[in-house]
Structure formats: C-alpha cells, structure tokens
PDB file of N, CA and C in Angstrom:
ATOM      1  N   MET A   1     248.803 289.277 271.270  1.00  0.00           N
ATOM      2  CA  MET A   1     247.673 290.056 271.747  1.00  0.00           C
ATOM      3  C   MET A   1     247.562 291.347 270.930  1.00  0.00           C
ATOM      4  N   TYR A   2     246.350 291.840 270.857  1.00  0.00           N
ATOM      5  CA  TYR A   2     246.058 293.108 270.190  1.00  0.00           C
ATOM      6  C   TYR A   2     245.255 293.964 271.158  1.00  0.00           C
ATOM      7  N   PHE A   3     245.390 295.255 271.007  1.00  0.00           N
ATOM      8  CA  PHE A   3     244.790 296.168 271.963  1.00  0.00           C
ATOM      9  C   PHE A   3     244.033 297.286 271.260  1.00  0.00           C
ATOM     10  N   ALA A   4     242.848 297.611 271.782  1.00  0.00           N
ATOM     11  CA  ALA A   4     242.153 298.849 271.457  1.00  0.00           C
ATOM     12  C   ALA A   4     242.451 299.760 272.645  1.00  0.00           C
ATOM     13  N   TYR A   5     242.800 301.018 272.370  1.00  0.00           N
ATOM     14  CA  TYR A   5     243.237 301.880 273.469  1.00  0.00           C
ATOM     15  C   TYR A   5     242.728 303.301 273.303  1.00  0.00           C
ATOM     16  N   ILE A   6     242.732 304.019 274.429  1.00  0.00           N
ATOM     17  CA  ILE A   6     242.295 305.408 274.470  1.00  0.00           C
ATOM     18  C   ILE A   6     243.405 306.244 275.090  1.00  0.00           C
ATOM     19  N   LEU A   7     243.757 307.322 274.415  1.00  0.00           N
ATOM     20  CA  LEU A   7     244.712 308.289 274.941  1.00  0.00           C
ATOM     21  C   LEU A   7     243.968 309.565 275.287  1.00  0.00           C
ATOM     22  N   PHE A   8     244.422 310.229 276.326  1.00  0.00           N
ATOM     23  CA  PHE A   8     243.858 311.514 276.724  1.00  0.00           C
ATOM     24  C   PHE A   8     244.918 312.582 276.531  1.00  0.00           C
ATOM     25  N   SER A   9     244.544 313.647 275.830  1.00  0.00           N
ATOM     26  CA  SER A   9     245.464 314.759 275.585  1.00  0.00           C
ATOM     27  C   SER A   9     245.359 315.763 276.728  1.00  0.00           C
ATOM     28  N   LEU A  10     246.462 315.980 277.410  1.00  0.00           N
ATOM     29  CA  LEU A  10     246.484 316.983 278.472  1.00  0.00           C
ATOM     30  C   LEU A  10     246.464 318.397 277.892  1.00  0.00           C
ATOM     31  N   LYS A  11     246.806 318.520 276.628  1.00  0.00           N
ATOM     32  CA  LYS A  11     246.846 319.825 275.968  1.00  0.00           C
ATOM     33  C   LYS A  11     245.444 320.309 275.603  1.00  0.00           C
ATOM     34  N   ASP A  12     244.680 319.475 274.888  1.00  0.00           N
ATOM     35  CA  ASP A  12     243.363 319.923 274.418  1.00  0.00           C
ATOM     36  C   ASP A  12     242.194 319.206 275.095  1.00  0.00           C
ATOM     37  N   LYS A  13     242.508 318.320 276.059  1.00  0.00           N
ATOM     38  CA  LYS A  13     241.502 317.586 276.832  1.00  0.00           C
ATOM     39  C   LYS A  13     240.639 316.665 275.978  1.00  0.00           C
ATOM     40  N   GLY A  14     241.121 316.310 274.800  1.00  0.00           N
ATOM     41  CA  GLY A  14     240.403 315.391 273.921  1.00  0.00           C
ATOM     42  C   GLY A  14     240.935 313.987 274.052  1.00  0.00           C
ATOM     43  N   ILE A  15     240.213 313.043 273.424  1.00  0.00           N
ATOM     44  CA  ILE A  15     240.660 311.662 273.449  1.00  0.00           C
ATOM     45  C   ILE A  15     241.000 311.190 272.039  1.00  0.00           C
ATOM     46  N   TYR A  16     241.863 310.196 271.972  1.00  0.00           N
ATOM     47  CA  TYR A  16     242.269 309.572 270.719  1.00  0.00           C
ATOM     48  C   TYR A  16     242.089 308.073 270.890  1.00  0.00           C
ATOM     49  N   THR A  17     241.504 307.426 269.897  1.00  0.00           N
ATOM     50  CA  THR A  17     241.260 305.993 269.932  1.00  0.00           C
ATOM     51  C   THR A  17     242.110 305.307 268.872  1.00  0.00           C
ATOM     52  N   GLY A  18     242.740 304.197 269.246  1.00  0.00           N
ATOM     53  CA  GLY A  18     243.543 303.451 268.297  1.00  0.00           C
ATOM     54  C   GLY A  18     243.596 301.980 268.637  1.00  0.00           C
ATOM     55  N   TYR A  19     244.348 301.232 267.807  1.00  0.00           N
ATOM     56  CA  TYR A  19     244.579 299.821 268.119  1.00  0.00           C
ATOM     57  C   TYR A  19     245.987 299.461 267.698  1.00  0.00           C
ATOM     58  N   THR A  20     246.551 298.432 268.340  1.00  0.00           N
ATOM     59  CA  THR A  20     247.935 298.050 268.093  1.00  0.00           C
ATOM     60  C   THR A  20     248.183 296.633 268.587  1.00  0.00           C
ATOM     61  N   SER A  21     249.304 296.078 268.173  1.00  0.00           N
ATOM     62  CA  SER A  21     249.712 294.770 268.699  1.00  0.00           C
ATOM     63  C   SER A  21     250.767 294.928 269.797  1.00  0.00           C
ATOM     64  N   ASN A  22     251.318 296.126 269.938  1.00  0.00           N
ATOM     65  CA  ASN A  22     252.343 296.377 270.959  1.00  0.00           C
ATOM     66  C   ASN A  22     252.015 297.708 271.621  1.00  0.00           C
ATOM     67  N   ILE A  23     251.286 297.643 272.700  1.00  0.00           N
ATOM     68  CA  ILE A  23     250.769 298.865 273.314  1.00  0.00           C
ATOM     69  C   ILE A  23     251.867 299.744 273.911  1.00  0.00           C
ATOM     70  N   ALA A  24     252.899 299.132 274.480  1.00  0.00           N
ATOM     71  CA  ALA A  24     253.986 299.926 275.070  1.00  0.00           C
ATOM     72  C   ALA A  24     254.738 300.699 273.982  1.00  0.00           C
ATOM     73  N   LEU A  25     255.061 300.031 272.896  1.00  0.00           N
ATOM     74  CA  LEU A  25     255.762 300.687 271.787  1.00  0.00           C
ATOM     75  C   LEU A  25     254.899 301.783 271.173  1.00  0.00           C
ATOM     76  N   ARG A  26     253.638 301.471 270.945  1.00  0.00           N
ATOM     77  CA  ARG A  26     252.756 302.453 270.307  1.00  0.00           C
ATOM     78  C   ARG A  26     252.582 303.692 271.182  1.00  0.00           C
ATOM     79  N   PHE A  27     252.469 303.498 272.490  1.00  0.00           N
ATOM     80  CA  PHE A  27     252.335 304.638 273.392  1.00  0.00           C
ATOM     81  C   PHE A  27     253.597 305.497 273.350  1.00  0.00           C
ATOM     82  N   ARG A  28     254.773 304.869 273.329  1.00  0.00           N
ATOM     83  CA  ARG A  28     256.027 305.634 273.204  1.00  0.00           C
ATOM     84  C   ARG A  28     256.056 306.422 271.900  1.00  0.00           C
ATOM     85  N   GLN A  29     255.591 305.812 270.819  1.00  0.00           N
ATOM     86  CA  GLN A  29     255.547 306.511 269.535  1.00  0.00           C
ATOM     87  C   GLN A  29     254.648 307.741 269.621  1.00  0.00           C
ATOM     88  N   HIS A  30     253.497 307.588 270.244  1.00  0.00           N
ATOM     89  CA  HIS A  30     252.600 308.738 270.435  1.00  0.00           C
ATOM     90  C   HIS A  30     253.292 309.820 271.262  1.00  0.00           C
ATOM     91  N   CYS A  31     253.895 309.441 272.361  1.00  0.00           N
ATOM     92  CA  CYS A  31     254.537 310.398 273.268  1.00  0.00           C
ATOM     93  C   CYS A  31     255.732 311.099 272.650  1.00  0.00           C
ATOM     94  N   ASN A  32     256.400 310.441 271.721  1.00  0.00           N
ATOM     95  CA  ASN A  32     257.573 311.027 271.066  1.00  0.00           C
ATOM     96  C   ASN A  32     257.227 311.792 269.796  1.00  0.00           C
ATOM     97  N   GLY A  33     255.944 311.960 269.509  1.00  0.00           N
ATOM     98  CA  GLY A  33     255.523 312.741 268.359  1.00  0.00           C
ATOM     99  C   GLY A  33     255.684 312.032 267.030  1.00  0.00           C
ATOM    100  N   LEU A  34     255.714 310.713 267.028  1.00  0.00           N
ATOM    101  CA  LEU A  34     255.914 309.946 265.807  1.00  0.00           C
ATOM    102  C   LEU A  34     254.613 309.521 265.133  1.00  0.00           C
ATOM    103  N   VAL A  35     253.483 309.868 265.738  1.00  0.00           N
ATOM    104  CA  VAL A  35     252.171 309.523 265.184  1.00  0.00           C
ATOM    105  C   VAL A  35     251.482 310.830 264.811  1.00  0.00           C
ATOM    106  N   LYS A  36     251.256 311.003 263.524  1.00  0.00           N
ATOM    107  CA  LYS A  36     250.765 312.282 263.004  1.00  0.00           C
ATOM    108  C   LYS A  36     249.494 312.812 263.693  1.00  0.00           C
ATOM    109  N   PRO A  37     248.450 311.987 263.896  1.00  0.00           N
ATOM    110  CA  PRO A  37     247.227 312.537 264.505  1.00  0.00           C
ATOM    111  C   PRO A  37     247.398 313.071 265.933  1.00  0.00           C
ATOM    112  N   THR A  38     248.418 312.619 266.644  1.00  0.00           N
ATOM    113  CA  THR A  38     248.575 313.055 268.033  1.00  0.00           C
ATOM    114  C   THR A  38     249.829 313.892 268.269  1.00  0.00           C
ATOM    115  N   MET A  39     250.622 314.136 267.242  1.00  0.00           N
ATOM    116  CA  MET A  39     251.901 314.831 267.466  1.00  0.00           C
ATOM    117  C   MET A  39     251.724 316.233 268.041  1.00  0.00           C
ATOM    118  N   ASP A  40     250.646 316.918 267.692  1.00  0.00           N
ATOM    119  CA  ASP A  40     250.408 318.264 268.215  1.00  0.00           C
ATOM    120  C   ASP A  40     249.481 318.274 269.432  1.00  0.00           C
ATOM    121  N   ARG A  41     249.166 317.100 269.937  1.00  0.00           N
ATOM    122  CA  ARG A  41     248.237 317.004 271.070  1.00  0.00           C
ATOM    123  C   ARG A  41     248.936 316.542 272.344  1.00  0.00           C
ATOM    124  N   ARG A  42     250.244 316.454 272.311  1.00  0.00           N
ATOM    125  CA  ARG A  42     251.017 315.999 273.473  1.00  0.00           C
ATOM    126  C   ARG A  42     251.065 317.079 274.541  1.00  0.00           C
ATOM    127  N   PRO A  43     251.210 316.694 275.816  1.00  0.00           N
ATOM    128  CA  PRO A  43     251.437 315.364 276.374  1.00  0.00           C
ATOM    129  C   PRO A  43     250.156 314.534 276.410  1.00  0.00           C
ATOM    130  N   LEU A  44     250.358 313.215 276.395  1.00  0.00           N
ATOM    131  CA  LEU A  44     249.261 312.254 276.347  1.00  0.00           C
ATOM    132  C   LEU A  44     249.346 311.287 277.518  1.00  0.00           C
ATOM    133  N   LYS A  45     248.190 310.775 277.906  1.00  0.00           N
ATOM    134  CA  LYS A  45     248.124 309.726 278.923  1.00  0.00           C
ATOM    135  C   LYS A  45     247.337 308.560 278.340  1.00  0.00           C
ATOM    136  N   LEU A  46     247.814 307.364 278.580  1.00  0.00           N
ATOM    137  CA  LEU A  46     247.058 306.163 278.238  1.00  0.00           C
ATOM    138  C   LEU A  46     246.061 305.946 279.372  1.00  0.00           C
ATOM    139  N   ILE A  47     244.772 306.080 279.073  1.00  0.00           N
ATOM    140  CA  ILE A  47     243.787 306.024 280.152  1.00  0.00           C
ATOM    141  C   ILE A  47     242.902 304.784 280.105  1.00  0.00           C
ATOM    142  N   TYR A  48     242.945 304.039 278.995  1.00  0.00           N
ATOM    143  CA  TYR A  48     242.060 302.887 278.881  1.00  0.00           C
ATOM    144  C   TYR A  48     242.554 301.981 277.772  1.00  0.00           C
ATOM    145  N   TYR A  49     242.469 300.676 277.987  1.00  0.00           N
ATOM    146  CA  TYR A  49     242.738 299.733 276.904  1.00  0.00           C
ATOM    147  C   TYR A  49     242.011 298.428 277.153  1.00  0.00           C
ATOM    148  N   GLU A  50     241.796 297.698 276.083  1.00  0.00           N
ATOM    149  CA  GLU A  50     241.194 296.377 276.122  1.00  0.00           C
ATOM    150  C   GLU A  50     242.079 295.453 275.305  1.00  0.00           C
ATOM    151  N   ALA A  51     242.280 294.232 275.767  1.00  0.00           N
ATOM    152  CA  ALA A  51     243.136 293.263 275.085  1.00  0.00           C
ATOM    153  C   ALA A  51     242.283 292.236 274.341  1.00  0.00           C
ATOM    154  N   TYR A  52     242.761 291.862 273.166  1.00  0.00           N
ATOM    155  CA  TYR A  52     242.078 290.874 272.329  1.00  0.00           C
ATOM    156  C   TYR A  52     243.088 289.874 271.788  1.00  0.00           C
ATOM    157  N   ARG A  53     242.629 288.671 271.575  1.00  0.00           N
ATOM    158  CA  ARG A  53     243.480 287.633 271.023  1.00  0.00           C
ATOM    159  C   ARG A  53     243.673 287.814 269.523  1.00  0.00           C
ATOM    160  N   TYR A  54     242.676 288.340 268.850  1.00  0.00           N
ATOM    161  CA  TYR A  54     242.725 288.445 267.390  1.00  0.00           C
ATOM    162  C   TYR A  54     242.706 289.901 266.939  1.00  0.00           C
ATOM    163  N   GLN A  55     243.489 290.176 265.912  1.00  0.00           N
ATOM    164  CA  GLN A  55     243.610 291.532 265.383  1.00  0.00           C
ATOM    165  C   GLN A  55     242.255 292.073 264.939  1.00  0.00           C
ATOM    166  N   LYS A  56     241.476 291.254 264.272  1.00  0.00           N
ATOM    167  CA  LYS A  56     240.176 291.706 263.762  1.00  0.00           C
ATOM    168  C   LYS A  56     239.268 292.195 264.896  1.00  0.00           C
ATOM    169  N   ASP A  57     239.317 291.514 266.032  1.00  0.00           N
ATOM    170  CA  ASP A  57     238.489 291.924 267.172  1.00  0.00           C
ATOM    171  C   ASP A  57     238.914 293.289 267.708  1.00  0.00           C
ATOM    172  N   ALA A  58     240.218 293.520 267.818  1.00  0.00           N
ATOM    173  CA  ALA A  58     240.714 294.814 268.307  1.00  0.00           C
ATOM    174  C   ALA A  58     240.364 295.928 267.325  1.00  0.00           C
ATOM    175  N   LEU A  59     240.515 295.653 266.034  1.00  0.00           N
ATOM    176  CA  LEU A  59     240.182 296.648 265.011  1.00  0.00           C
ATOM    177  C   LEU A  59     238.693 296.970 265.029  1.00  0.00           C
ATOM    178  N   ASN A  60     237.869 295.943 265.149  1.00  0.00           N
ATOM    179  CA  ASN A  60     236.420 296.178 265.220  1.00  0.00           C
ATOM    180  C   ASN A  60     236.048 296.982 266.466  1.00  0.00           C
ATOM    181  N   ARG A  61     236.715 296.703 267.578  1.00  0.00           N
ATOM    182  CA  ARG A  61     236.436 297.456 268.805  1.00  0.00           C
ATOM    183  C   ARG A  61     236.848 298.916 268.650  1.00  0.00           C
ATOM    184  N   GLU A  62     238.014 299.155 268.038  1.00  0.00           N
ATOM    185  CA  GLU A  62     238.448 300.537 267.791  1.00  0.00           C
ATOM    186  C   GLU A  62     237.402 301.264 266.943  1.00  0.00           C
ATOM    187  N   LYS A  63     236.945 300.636 265.891  1.00  0.00           N
ATOM    188  CA  LYS A  63     235.937 301.259 265.019  1.00  0.00           C
ATOM    189  C   LYS A  63     234.657 301.554 265.796  1.00  0.00           C
ATOM    190  N   TYR A  64     234.243 300.602 266.642  1.00  0.00           N
ATOM    191  CA  TYR A  64     233.046 300.811 267.445  1.00  0.00           C
ATOM    192  C   TYR A  64     233.218 301.989 268.404  1.00  0.00           C
ATOM    193  N   LEU A  65     234.361 302.071 269.048  1.00  0.00           N
ATOM    194  CA  LEU A  65     234.595 303.141 270.021  1.00  0.00           C
ATOM    195  C   LEU A  65     234.595 304.526 269.373  1.00  0.00           C
ATOM    196  N   LYS A  66     234.760 304.577 268.067  1.00  0.00           N
ATOM    197  CA  LYS A  66     234.746 305.850 267.340  1.00  0.00           C
ATOM    198  C   LYS A  66     233.344 306.239 266.875  1.00  0.00           C
ATOM    199  N   THR A  67     232.362 305.355 267.084  1.00  0.00           N
ATOM    200  CA  THR A  67     230.990 305.662 266.701  1.00  0.00           C
ATOM    201  C   THR A  67     230.301 306.431 267.828  1.00  0.00           C
ATOM    202  N   GLY A  68     229.095 306.889 267.573  1.00  0.00           N
ATOM    203  CA  GLY A  68     228.321 307.584 268.605  1.00  0.00           C
ATOM    204  C   GLY A  68     228.071 306.709 269.824  1.00  0.00           C
ATOM    205  N   TRP A  69     227.670 305.445 269.593  1.00  0.00           N
ATOM    206  CA  TRP A  69     227.428 304.531 270.708  1.00  0.00           C
ATOM    207  C   TRP A  69     228.724 304.222 271.444  1.00  0.00           C
ATOM    208  N   GLY A  70     229.807 304.114 270.700  1.00  0.00           N
ATOM    209  CA  GLY A  70     231.105 303.853 271.321  1.00  0.00           C
ATOM    210  C   GLY A  70     231.551 305.008 272.194  1.00  0.00           C
ATOM    211  N   ARG A  71     231.353 306.224 271.726  1.00  0.00           N
ATOM    212  CA  ARG A  71     231.704 307.413 272.521  1.00  0.00           C
ATOM    213  C   ARG A  71     230.843 307.477 273.783  1.00  0.00           C
ATOM    214  N   TYR A  72     229.586 307.116 273.633  1.00  0.00           N
ATOM    215  CA  TYR A  72     228.698 307.081 274.795  1.00  0.00           C
ATOM    216  C   TYR A  72     229.229 306.087 275.823  1.00  0.00           C
ATOM    217  N   TYR A  73     229.599 304.893 275.366  1.00  0.00           N
ATOM    218  CA  TYR A  73     230.165 303.882 276.250  1.00  0.00           C
ATOM    219  C   TYR A  73     231.435 304.395 276.925  1.00  0.00           C
ATOM    220  N   LEU A  74     232.339 304.981 276.142  1.00  0.00           N
ATOM    221  CA  LEU A  74     233.592 305.493 276.702  1.00  0.00           C
ATOM    222  C   LEU A  74     233.346 306.568 277.743  1.00  0.00           C
ATOM    223  N   ASN A  75     232.431 307.459 277.467  1.00  0.00           N
ATOM    224  CA  ASN A  75     232.138 308.527 278.430  1.00  0.00           C
ATOM    225  C   ASN A  75     231.663 307.956 279.757  1.00  0.00           C
ATOM    226  N   LYS A  76     230.897 306.858 279.713  1.00  0.00           N
ATOM    227  CA  LYS A  76     230.468 306.219 280.959  1.00  0.00           C
ATOM    228  C   LYS A  76     231.648 305.562 281.661  1.00  0.00           C
ATOM    229  N   VAL A  77     232.509 304.894 280.910  1.00  0.00           N
ATOM    230  CA  VAL A  77     233.622 304.148 281.501  1.00  0.00           C
ATOM    231  C   VAL A  77     234.687 305.073 282.085  1.00  0.00           C
ATOM    232  N   ILE A  78     234.998 306.159 281.392  1.00  0.00           N
ATOM    233  CA  ILE A  78     236.083 307.045 281.840  1.00  0.00           C
ATOM    234  C   ILE A  78     235.560 308.331 282.467  1.00  0.00           C
ATOM    235  N   LYS A  79     234.285 308.353 282.789  1.00  0.00           N
ATOM    236  CA  LYS A  79     233.642 309.538 283.360  1.00  0.00           C
ATOM    237  C   LYS A  79     234.386 310.049 284.605  1.00  0.00           C
ATOM    238  N   ASN A  80     234.715 309.164 285.509  1.00  0.00           N
ATOM    239  CA  ASN A  80     235.388 309.565 286.750  1.00  0.00           C
ATOM    240  C   ASN A  80     236.759 310.164 286.430  1.00  0.00           C
ATOM    241  N   TYR A  81     237.495 309.543 285.527  1.00  0.00           N
ATOM    242  CA  TYR A  81     238.801 310.067 285.162  1.00  0.00           C
ATOM    243  C   TYR A  81     238.686 311.465 284.563  1.00  0.00           C
ATOM    244  N   LEU A  82     237.749 311.627 283.647  1.00  0.00           N
ATOM    245  CA  LEU A  82     237.596 312.924 282.974  1.00  0.00           C
ATOM    246  C   LEU A  82     237.141 314.019 283.923  1.00  0.00           C
ATOM    247  N   SER A  83     236.393 313.659 284.936  1.00  0.00           N
ATOM    248  CA  SER A  83     235.906 314.669 285.879  1.00  0.00           C
ATOM    249  C   SER A  83     237.022 315.217 286.765  1.00  0.00           C
ATOM    250  N   HIS A  84     238.145 314.554 286.800  1.00  0.00           N
ATOM    251  CA  HIS A  84     239.284 315.007 287.618  1.00  0.00           C
ATOM    252  C   HIS A  84     240.369 315.676 286.783  1.00  0.00           C
ATOM    253  N   GLN A  85     240.101 315.955 285.532  1.00  0.00           N
ATOM    254  CA  GLN A  85     241.113 316.575 284.656  1.00  0.00           C
ATOM    255  C   GLN A  85     240.853 318.055 284.470  1.00  0.00           C
TER     256      GLN A  85
END
C-alpha cells in the first residue's frame, strides 16, 4: 500500500503534504526530526491520509493536494479539525 498524507504543525499551524509506502515509519521520521522540510516545524500530528494500491496513484494524489484545487479540497475535509486548533 501507498499513502498520501497530511501533517499538521502545532508550532506554526501549517500543513505538510507527503506520500510514502510506510506511513507509521514516515510519521516517526517526521516526529524525530529526520525529514528536512518538517524538522523545524515539530511537534506534528498526522491528521489525514488516503491509501492507494499503486505508488503512482499516491504520488499523483500528493501532487494534486499541493495544488490550489487540492488545498481547497483539504480545507473542506479538515475544516472541523483546523477550527479546533
């Protein structure tokens, strides 16, 4: 399985979008400061993910979620979560 995922930074209240084949390992790497884009944005919460059978699908979804339309979609999906932060 492959995953497109969203992390929420408790430090700067921003989100980070990524994809991986091992979501538990990747989240630990983010939390331990081993991923350069998020190392200064910790602590982080995994707030959303989608599972895919094929790597290409997860990668395409990650790319989409980083576009304007993708951000619009994410804001609708995680709106309730963000309103409580």
